[in-house]
Amino acid sequence: MIATNKKTILYIGTVVGVGTYLFWNDLKHLGFNLTYKDKNVFSVESIKVFYLGNALFIFSLCLYMFLTDTKSLIKYVIFCLSLNNLCDELFFDPTKMGISEIFVAITVLVFAIIRYKNAKRP
């Protein structure tokens, strides 16, 4: 059952990634264009959808990797960083270094040290 869920996460991530790259050119009709004279310029909203799709794709791949080996410290750190990337695209300003990055860096560091120390114990 768990293996099926992991594969489902991988399939959803692949569909989101392929869909993001195939159709982001068609999303330029969302909202206002960056320059109103040129209609072929991508809109700000289509660029946001593209980056959100990329973040969701990266997160799903990292989640799949982490679920295959939950004891790996490297996979845990990569999963946390991809979660930060997704949250940054959804809720925060991804162009500025903010409190979310500092909070995630401290949290990942603390939990990585705890996981590393617990893994060394026999």
N, C-alpha and C. Protein backbone atom coordinates (compact mmCIF):
# COMPACT_ATOMS: atom_id res chain seq x y z
N MET A 1 0.83 -1.20 0.00
CA MET A 1 0.00 0.00 0.00
C MET A 1 0.87 1.26 0.00
N ILE A 2 1.93 1.27 0.81
CA ILE A 2 2.79 2.45 0.87
C ILE A 2 3.55 2.62 -0.44
N ALA A 3 3.98 1.52 -1.06
CA ALA A 3 4.69 1.61 -2.33
C ALA A 3 3.79 2.20 -3.41
N THR A 4 2.52 1.88 -3.37
CA THR A 4 1.58 2.44 -4.34
C THR A 4 1.44 3.94 -4.13
N ASN A 5 1.38 4.38 -2.88
CA ASN A 5 1.27 5.81 -2.60
C ASN A 5 2.52 6.56 -3.04
N LYS A 6 3.70 5.94 -2.88
CA LYS A 6 4.93 6.58 -3.32
C LYS A 6 4.95 6.73 -4.83
N LYS A 7 4.49 5.70 -5.52
CA LYS A 7 4.45 5.78 -6.98
C LYS A 7 3.42 6.81 -7.43
N THR A 8 2.33 6.91 -6.72
CA THR A 8 1.31 7.91 -7.06
C THR A 8 1.88 9.31 -6.92
N ILE A 9 2.65 9.56 -5.87
CA ILE A 9 3.30 10.86 -5.69
C ILE A 9 4.25 11.14 -6.86
N LEU A 10 4.98 10.13 -7.28
CA LEU A 10 5.91 10.29 -8.39
C LEU A 10 5.15 10.57 -9.69
N TYR A 11 4.05 9.87 -9.92
CA TYR A 11 3.26 10.10 -11.14
C TYR A 11 2.64 11.50 -11.15
N ILE A 12 2.10 11.92 -10.02
CA ILE A 12 1.51 13.26 -9.94
C ILE A 12 2.58 14.33 -10.17
N GLY A 13 3.73 14.15 -9.57
CA GLY A 13 4.82 15.09 -9.78
C GLY A 13 5.27 15.16 -11.22
N THR A 14 5.31 14.01 -11.89
CA THR A 14 5.70 13.99 -13.30
C THR A 14 4.67 14.69 -14.17
N VAL A 15 3.38 14.45 -13.90
CA VAL A 15 2.33 15.11 -14.67
C VAL A 15 2.37 16.62 -14.45
N VAL A 16 2.57 17.04 -13.20
CA VAL A 16 2.65 18.48 -12.91
C VAL A 16 3.86 19.11 -13.60
N GLY A 17 4.99 18.45 -13.55
CA GLY A 17 6.20 18.98 -14.19
C GLY A 17 6.06 19.08 -15.69
N VAL A 18 5.57 18.02 -16.32
CA VAL A 18 5.40 18.03 -17.77
C VAL A 18 4.34 19.06 -18.16
N GLY A 19 3.24 19.12 -17.41
CA GLY A 19 2.19 20.09 -17.70
C GLY A 19 2.66 21.52 -17.55
N THR A 20 3.48 21.76 -16.55
CA THR A 20 4.02 23.11 -16.35
C THR A 20 4.88 23.54 -17.52
N TYR A 21 5.74 22.65 -17.98
CA TYR A 21 6.63 23.01 -19.08
C TYR A 21 5.92 23.06 -20.43
N LEU A 22 4.88 22.25 -20.61
CA LEU A 22 4.19 22.24 -21.89
C LEU A 22 3.24 23.42 -22.07
N PHE A 23 2.58 23.83 -20.99
CA PHE A 23 1.48 24.77 -21.13
C PHE A 23 1.74 26.15 -20.53
N TRP A 24 2.95 26.45 -20.11
CA TRP A 24 3.15 27.76 -19.50
C TRP A 24 3.10 28.87 -20.54
N ASN A 25 3.37 28.55 -21.79
CA ASN A 25 3.23 29.54 -22.85
C ASN A 25 1.76 29.91 -23.07
N ASP A 26 0.86 28.97 -22.84
CA ASP A 26 -0.57 29.23 -23.01
C ASP A 26 -1.17 29.98 -21.82
N LEU A 27 -0.45 30.09 -20.74
CA LEU A 27 -0.96 30.77 -19.56
C LEU A 27 -0.69 32.27 -19.58
N LYS A 28 -0.14 32.77 -20.69
CA LYS A 28 0.21 34.19 -20.74
C LYS A 28 -1.01 35.10 -20.81
N HIS A 29 -2.19 34.54 -21.01
CA HIS A 29 -3.41 35.34 -21.07
C HIS A 29 -4.01 35.59 -19.69
N LEU A 30 -3.37 35.07 -18.65
CA LEU A 30 -3.83 35.32 -17.29
C LEU A 30 -3.35 36.69 -16.84
N GLY A 31 -4.23 37.58 -16.58
CA GLY A 31 -3.85 38.87 -16.00
C GLY A 31 -3.20 39.82 -16.98
N PHE A 32 -2.39 40.72 -16.44
CA PHE A 32 -1.79 41.79 -17.21
C PHE A 32 -0.43 41.37 -17.75
N ASN A 33 -0.09 41.87 -18.91
CA ASN A 33 1.23 41.61 -19.49
C ASN A 33 2.26 42.52 -18.85
N LEU A 34 3.51 42.11 -18.92
CA LEU A 34 4.58 42.92 -18.36
C LEU A 34 4.71 44.24 -19.12
N THR A 35 4.56 44.20 -20.43
CA THR A 35 4.49 45.42 -21.23
C THR A 35 3.20 45.36 -22.02
N TYR A 36 2.43 46.41 -21.99
CA TYR A 36 1.12 46.38 -22.61
C TYR A 36 1.18 46.47 -24.14
N LYS A 37 2.31 46.88 -24.71
CA LYS A 37 2.40 47.02 -26.17
C LYS A 37 2.61 45.68 -26.85
N ASP A 38 3.36 44.79 -26.22
CA ASP A 38 3.70 43.52 -26.84
C ASP A 38 2.82 42.43 -26.24
N LYS A 39 1.97 41.84 -27.03
CA LYS A 39 1.05 40.82 -26.54
C LYS A 39 1.72 39.45 -26.39
N ASN A 40 2.95 39.30 -26.84
CA ASN A 40 3.63 38.02 -26.73
C ASN A 40 4.46 37.90 -25.47
N VAL A 41 4.46 38.91 -24.64
CA VAL A 41 5.21 38.88 -23.40
C VAL A 41 4.41 38.08 -22.38
N PHE A 42 5.10 37.27 -21.61
CA PHE A 42 4.43 36.46 -20.61
C PHE A 42 3.91 37.35 -19.48
N SER A 43 2.75 37.00 -18.97
CA SER A 43 2.20 37.78 -17.86
C SER A 43 2.88 37.39 -16.56
N VAL A 44 2.74 38.23 -15.58
CA VAL A 44 3.32 37.95 -14.26
C VAL A 44 2.68 36.71 -13.67
N GLU A 45 1.38 36.53 -13.86
CA GLU A 45 0.68 35.38 -13.31
C GLU A 45 1.14 34.08 -13.95
N SER A 46 1.43 34.10 -15.26
CA SER A 46 1.89 32.87 -15.90
C SER A 46 3.28 32.49 -15.41
N ILE A 47 4.11 33.50 -15.12
CA ILE A 47 5.43 33.21 -14.57
C ILE A 47 5.28 32.63 -13.16
N LYS A 48 4.32 33.17 -12.37
CA LYS A 48 4.08 32.62 -11.04
C LYS A 48 3.59 31.19 -11.11
N VAL A 49 2.70 30.89 -12.07
CA VAL A 49 2.21 29.53 -12.24
C VAL A 49 3.35 28.61 -12.64
N PHE A 50 4.24 29.09 -13.50
CA PHE A 50 5.38 28.29 -13.92
C PHE A 50 6.29 27.96 -12.73
N TYR A 51 6.62 28.95 -11.92
CA TYR A 51 7.48 28.71 -10.76
C TYR A 51 6.79 27.85 -9.71
N LEU A 52 5.49 28.02 -9.54
CA LEU A 52 4.75 27.18 -8.62
C LEU A 52 4.72 25.73 -9.10
N GLY A 53 4.54 25.54 -10.40
CA GLY A 53 4.58 24.19 -10.96
C GLY A 53 5.94 23.55 -10.79
N ASN A 54 7.00 24.34 -11.00
CA ASN A 54 8.35 23.82 -10.78
C ASN A 54 8.58 23.44 -9.32
N ALA A 55 8.11 24.29 -8.41
CA ALA A 55 8.28 24.01 -6.99
C ALA A 55 7.51 22.76 -6.59
N LEU A 56 6.32 22.58 -7.12
CA LEU A 56 5.53 21.39 -6.81
C LEU A 56 6.17 20.14 -7.39
N PHE A 57 6.73 20.25 -8.58
CA PHE A 57 7.43 19.14 -9.20
C PHE A 57 8.67 18.74 -8.40
N ILE A 58 9.47 19.71 -8.01
CA ILE A 58 10.67 19.43 -7.21
C ILE A 58 10.29 18.85 -5.86
N PHE A 59 9.24 19.40 -5.24
CA PHE A 59 8.79 18.89 -3.95
C PHE A 59 8.33 17.44 -4.06
N SER A 60 7.57 17.11 -5.09
CA SER A 60 7.08 15.74 -5.21
C SER A 60 8.22 14.76 -5.46
N LEU A 61 9.23 15.16 -6.23
CA LEU A 61 10.38 14.28 -6.44
C LEU A 61 11.18 14.08 -5.15
N CYS A 62 11.36 15.17 -4.40
CA CYS A 62 12.10 15.06 -3.14
C CYS A 62 11.30 14.27 -2.09
N LEU A 63 9.98 14.42 -2.10
CA LEU A 63 9.14 13.64 -1.20
C LEU A 63 9.24 12.16 -1.53
N TYR A 64 9.23 11.83 -2.80
CA TYR A 64 9.39 10.44 -3.22
C TYR A 64 10.75 9.88 -2.77
N MET A 65 11.81 10.66 -2.99
CA MET A 65 13.13 10.20 -2.55
C MET A 65 13.19 10.01 -1.05
N PHE A 66 12.61 10.94 -0.31
CA PHE A 66 12.65 10.85 1.15
C PHE A 66 11.84 9.65 1.65
N LEU A 67 10.70 9.37 1.03
CA LEU A 67 9.88 8.24 1.47
C LEU A 67 10.51 6.90 1.14
N THR A 68 11.40 6.86 0.14
CA THR A 68 12.08 5.60 -0.16
C THR A 68 13.14 5.26 0.89
N ASP A 69 13.71 6.29 1.50
CA ASP A 69 14.74 6.07 2.52
C ASP A 69 14.63 7.17 3.57
N THR A 70 13.80 6.96 4.57
CA THR A 70 13.55 8.01 5.57
C THR A 70 14.70 8.18 6.55
N LYS A 71 15.66 7.29 6.55
CA LYS A 71 16.78 7.40 7.49
C LYS A 71 17.95 8.21 6.92
N SER A 72 17.88 8.54 5.65
CA SER A 72 18.96 9.28 5.02
C SER A 72 18.89 10.76 5.41
N LEU A 73 20.00 11.26 5.93
CA LEU A 73 20.07 12.66 6.36
C LEU A 73 20.07 13.61 5.17
N ILE A 74 20.76 13.23 4.10
CA ILE A 74 20.81 14.08 2.91
C ILE A 74 19.43 14.21 2.28
N LYS A 75 18.71 13.11 2.16
CA LYS A 75 17.37 13.15 1.58
C LYS A 75 16.42 13.96 2.46
N TYR A 76 16.63 13.90 3.76
CA TYR A 76 15.79 14.69 4.67
C TYR A 76 16.04 16.19 4.47
N VAL A 77 17.28 16.57 4.37
CA VAL A 77 17.61 17.99 4.19
C VAL A 77 17.09 18.49 2.84
N ILE A 78 17.26 17.70 1.79
CA ILE A 78 16.76 18.08 0.47
C ILE A 78 15.24 18.19 0.48
N PHE A 79 14.57 17.26 1.17
CA PHE A 79 13.11 17.33 1.28
C PHE A 79 12.68 18.61 2.00
N CYS A 80 13.35 18.96 3.08
CA CYS A 80 12.98 20.18 3.81
C CYS A 80 13.21 21.43 2.98
N LEU A 81 14.30 21.45 2.23
CA LEU A 81 14.57 22.61 1.38
C LEU A 81 13.55 22.73 0.25
N SER A 82 13.13 21.60 -0.30
CA SER A 82 12.11 21.66 -1.35
C SER A 82 10.76 22.07 -0.77
N LEU A 83 10.47 21.67 0.46
CA LEU A 83 9.25 22.12 1.13
C LEU A 83 9.29 23.63 1.36
N ASN A 84 10.45 24.14 1.73
CA ASN A 84 10.62 25.58 1.90
C ASN A 84 10.41 26.30 0.57
N ASN A 85 10.93 25.74 -0.50
CA ASN A 85 10.75 26.34 -1.82
C ASN A 85 9.26 26.40 -2.19
N LEU A 86 8.54 25.32 -1.94
CA LEU A 86 7.11 25.29 -2.25
C LEU A 86 6.34 26.29 -1.39
N CYS A 87 6.63 26.32 -0.10
CA CYS A 87 5.96 27.29 0.78
C CYS A 87 6.30 28.72 0.41
N ASP A 88 7.53 28.94 -0.01
CA ASP A 88 7.95 30.28 -0.43
C ASP A 88 7.17 30.72 -1.67
N GLU A 89 6.96 29.82 -2.61
CA GLU A 89 6.20 30.16 -3.81
C GLU A 89 4.72 30.36 -3.50
N LEU A 90 4.20 29.63 -2.52
CA LEU A 90 2.77 29.72 -2.21
C LEU A 90 2.43 30.90 -1.31
N PHE A 91 3.20 31.10 -0.25
CA PHE A 91 2.78 32.02 0.80
C PHE A 91 3.66 33.26 0.97
N PHE A 92 4.92 33.19 0.60
CA PHE A 92 5.86 34.28 0.86
C PHE A 92 6.33 34.88 -0.46
N ASP A 93 7.17 35.88 -0.36
CA ASP A 93 7.77 36.50 -1.55
C ASP A 93 9.04 35.73 -1.90
N PRO A 94 9.03 35.00 -3.02
CA PRO A 94 10.20 34.18 -3.34
C PRO A 94 11.40 34.97 -3.83
N THR A 95 11.23 36.27 -4.06
CA THR A 95 12.36 37.07 -4.56
C THR A 95 13.17 37.70 -3.45
N LYS A 96 12.70 37.61 -2.22
CA LYS A 96 13.40 38.24 -1.10
C LYS A 96 13.74 37.21 -0.03
N MET A 97 14.88 37.43 0.58
CA MET A 97 15.28 36.60 1.71
C MET A 97 14.50 37.08 2.91
N GLY A 98 13.72 36.20 3.48
CA GLY A 98 12.86 36.61 4.57
C GLY A 98 12.98 35.71 5.78
N ILE A 99 12.02 35.86 6.65
CA ILE A 99 12.01 35.09 7.89
C ILE A 99 11.77 33.61 7.63
N SER A 100 11.08 33.28 6.54
CA SER A 100 10.80 31.87 6.25
C SER A 100 12.09 31.10 5.97
N GLU A 101 13.02 31.71 5.24
CA GLU A 101 14.28 31.03 4.94
C GLU A 101 15.11 30.84 6.20
N ILE A 102 15.15 31.87 7.05
CA ILE A 102 15.92 31.77 8.29
C ILE A 102 15.31 30.71 9.20
N PHE A 103 13.98 30.72 9.30
CA PHE A 103 13.29 29.74 10.14
C PHE A 103 13.53 28.31 9.63
N VAL A 104 13.42 28.11 8.34
CA VAL A 104 13.63 26.77 7.78
C VAL A 104 15.08 26.33 7.94
N ALA A 105 16.02 27.24 7.75
CA ALA A 105 17.43 26.88 7.90
C ALA A 105 17.73 26.44 9.34
N ILE A 106 17.22 27.17 10.31
CA ILE A 106 17.43 26.80 11.71
C ILE A 106 16.74 25.48 12.03
N THR A 107 15.51 25.32 11.56
CA THR A 107 14.75 24.09 11.82
C THR A 107 15.42 22.88 11.20
N VAL A 108 15.85 23.01 9.95
CA VAL A 108 16.52 21.89 9.28
C VAL A 108 17.81 21.55 9.99
N LEU A 109 18.56 22.56 10.39
CA LEU A 109 19.83 22.31 11.07
C LEU A 109 19.61 21.61 12.41
N VAL A 110 18.63 22.05 13.18
CA VAL A 110 18.36 21.43 14.48
C VAL A 110 17.90 19.98 14.31
N PHE A 111 16.94 19.76 13.40
CA PHE A 111 16.46 18.40 13.21
C PHE A 111 17.50 17.49 12.56
N ALA A 112 18.35 18.04 11.71
CA ALA A 112 19.42 17.24 11.12
C ALA A 112 20.42 16.81 12.19
N ILE A 113 20.75 17.71 13.10
CA ILE A 113 21.66 17.33 14.19
C ILE A 113 21.02 16.28 15.09
N ILE A 114 19.76 16.45 15.41
CA ILE A 114 19.06 15.46 16.24
C ILE A 114 19.01 14.11 15.54
N ARG A 115 18.66 14.11 14.25
CA ARG A 115 18.59 12.84 13.51
C ARG A 115 19.97 12.21 13.40
N TYR A 116 20.99 13.00 13.22
CA TYR A 116 22.35 12.48 13.09
C TYR A 116 22.81 11.86 14.41
N LYS A 117 22.53 12.52 15.52
CA LYS A 117 22.91 11.98 16.82
C LYS A 117 22.15 10.73 17.16
N ASN A 118 20.86 10.68 16.82
CA ASN A 118 20.05 9.50 17.09
C ASN A 118 20.45 8.33 16.18
N ALA A 119 20.94 8.60 15.01
CA ALA A 119 21.36 7.53 14.10
C ALA A 119 22.66 6.90 14.55
N LYS A 120 23.51 7.63 15.27
CA LYS A 120 24.79 7.09 15.73
C LYS A 120 24.63 6.13 16.91
N ARG A 121 23.54 6.26 17.63
CA ARG A 121 23.36 5.39 18.80
C ARG A 121 23.06 3.97 18.36
N PRO A 122 23.67 3.00 19.07
CA PRO A 122 23.42 1.58 18.69
C PRO A 122 22.08 1.09 19.14
